[in-house]
Amino acid sequence: MWLIALIGSASSFVESTLAQIYKQPDGNGAYIGGPAYYMEK
C-alpha cells in the first residue's frame, strides 16, 4: 500500500513540476497553461 502512495506522490510531483516549467505569460501578468488550455488550442 505504501508503494502505491509513493508512486502516486511521485507522479503528482512530476505533474506539478512540468506545469511550472511549461506555463506561459498571457500579457496581462497572468499565466496560462494546463490541459484545458492545450485542448482548446
N, C-alpha and C. Protein backbone atom coordinates (compact mmCIF):
# COMPACT_ATOMS: atom_id res chain seq x y z
N MET A 1 0.83 -1.19 0.00
CA MET A 1 0.00 0.00 0.00
C MET A 1 0.88 1.26 0.00
N TRP A 2 1.95 1.22 0.74
CA TRP A 2 2.83 2.40 0.76
C TRP A 2 3.51 2.60 -0.58
N LEU A 3 3.70 1.51 -1.34
CA LEU A 3 4.30 1.62 -2.66
C LEU A 3 3.39 2.39 -3.62
N ILE A 4 2.10 2.13 -3.55
CA ILE A 4 1.14 2.86 -4.38
C ILE A 4 1.12 4.33 -4.00
N ALA A 5 1.19 4.62 -2.72
CA ALA A 5 1.23 6.02 -2.26
C ALA A 5 2.50 6.72 -2.74
N LEU A 6 3.60 6.03 -2.74
CA LEU A 6 4.86 6.60 -3.22
C LEU A 6 4.81 6.89 -4.72
N ILE A 7 4.27 5.97 -5.48
CA ILE A 7 4.14 6.17 -6.93
C ILE A 7 3.18 7.32 -7.22
N GLY A 8 2.08 7.39 -6.49
CA GLY A 8 1.11 8.48 -6.69
C GLY A 8 1.69 9.83 -6.35
N SER A 9 2.44 9.92 -5.27
CA SER A 9 3.02 11.21 -4.89
C SER A 9 4.14 11.61 -5.86
N ALA A 10 4.87 10.65 -6.37
CA ALA A 10 5.92 10.96 -7.36
C ALA A 10 5.31 11.47 -8.65
N SER A 11 4.22 10.86 -9.11
CA SER A 11 3.59 11.34 -10.35
C SER A 11 2.97 12.71 -10.15
N SER A 12 2.45 12.98 -8.97
CA SER A 12 1.90 14.31 -8.67
C SER A 12 3.00 15.36 -8.66
N PHE A 13 4.15 15.03 -8.11
CA PHE A 13 5.28 15.95 -8.10
C PHE A 13 5.76 16.26 -9.51
N VAL A 14 5.87 15.24 -10.35
CA VAL A 14 6.31 15.44 -11.73
C VAL A 14 5.31 16.29 -12.49
N GLU A 15 4.03 16.03 -12.31
CA GLU A 15 2.99 16.81 -12.98
C GLU A 15 3.06 18.28 -12.58
N SER A 16 3.23 18.55 -11.30
CA SER A 16 3.32 19.94 -10.83
C SER A 16 4.58 20.62 -11.34
N THR A 17 5.69 19.91 -11.37
CA THR A 17 6.94 20.48 -11.86
C THR A 17 6.84 20.83 -13.34
N LEU A 18 6.28 19.93 -14.13
CA LEU A 18 6.13 20.21 -15.56
C LEU A 18 5.17 21.36 -15.81
N ALA A 19 4.13 21.49 -14.99
CA ALA A 19 3.20 22.61 -15.14
C ALA A 19 3.89 23.94 -14.88
N GLN A 20 4.80 23.98 -13.92
CA GLN A 20 5.52 25.21 -13.64
C GLN A 20 6.54 25.53 -14.74
N ILE A 21 7.12 24.52 -15.33
CA ILE A 21 8.12 24.74 -16.38
C ILE A 21 7.47 25.26 -17.66
N TYR A 22 6.32 24.71 -18.03
CA TYR A 22 5.73 25.00 -19.33
C TYR A 22 4.60 26.02 -19.32
N LYS A 23 4.36 26.71 -18.22
CA LYS A 23 3.34 27.76 -18.24
C LYS A 23 3.87 28.97 -19.00
N GLN A 24 2.95 29.76 -19.57
CA GLN A 24 3.35 30.91 -20.38
C GLN A 24 2.59 32.15 -19.93
N PRO A 25 3.24 33.31 -19.93
CA PRO A 25 2.55 34.55 -19.57
C PRO A 25 1.59 34.96 -20.69
N ASP A 26 0.45 35.56 -20.32
CA ASP A 26 -0.54 35.94 -21.33
C ASP A 26 -0.51 37.42 -21.68
N GLY A 27 0.36 38.21 -21.11
CA GLY A 27 0.45 39.62 -21.44
C GLY A 27 -0.17 40.52 -20.39
N ASN A 28 -1.07 40.00 -19.59
CA ASN A 28 -1.70 40.77 -18.52
C ASN A 28 -1.08 40.49 -17.16
N GLY A 29 0.00 39.76 -17.14
CA GLY A 29 0.65 39.42 -15.89
C GLY A 29 0.20 38.08 -15.33
N ALA A 30 -0.80 37.46 -15.95
CA ALA A 30 -1.26 36.14 -15.51
C ALA A 30 -0.57 35.07 -16.36
N TYR A 31 -0.66 33.84 -15.91
CA TYR A 31 -0.06 32.74 -16.64
C TYR A 31 -1.14 31.82 -17.15
N ILE A 32 -0.90 31.25 -18.34
CA ILE A 32 -1.84 30.31 -18.93
C ILE A 32 -1.13 28.99 -19.15
N GLY A 33 -1.89 27.92 -19.17
CA GLY A 33 -1.35 26.59 -19.40
C GLY A 33 -2.29 25.55 -18.84
N GLY A 34 -1.88 24.33 -18.86
CA GLY A 34 -2.69 23.26 -18.33
C GLY A 34 -3.44 22.50 -19.40
N PRO A 35 -4.07 21.41 -19.03
CA PRO A 35 -4.74 20.55 -20.01
C PRO A 35 -5.87 21.26 -20.76
N ALA A 36 -6.68 22.04 -20.07
CA ALA A 36 -7.80 22.70 -20.73
C ALA A 36 -7.30 23.71 -21.77
N TYR A 37 -6.23 24.40 -21.47
CA TYR A 37 -5.66 25.36 -22.42
C TYR A 37 -5.14 24.65 -23.66
N TYR A 38 -4.44 23.55 -23.49
CA TYR A 38 -3.87 22.86 -24.64
C TYR A 38 -4.92 22.10 -25.44
N MET A 39 -5.99 21.66 -24.81
CA MET A 39 -7.07 21.00 -25.55
C MET A 39 -7.83 22.03 -26.39
N GLU A 40 -7.88 23.27 -25.93
CA GLU A 40 -8.57 24.32 -26.67
C GLU A 40 -7.79 24.76 -27.90
N LYS A 41 -6.45 24.64 -27.86
CA LYS A 41 -5.60 25.07 -28.98
C LYS A 41 -5.90 24.30 -30.20
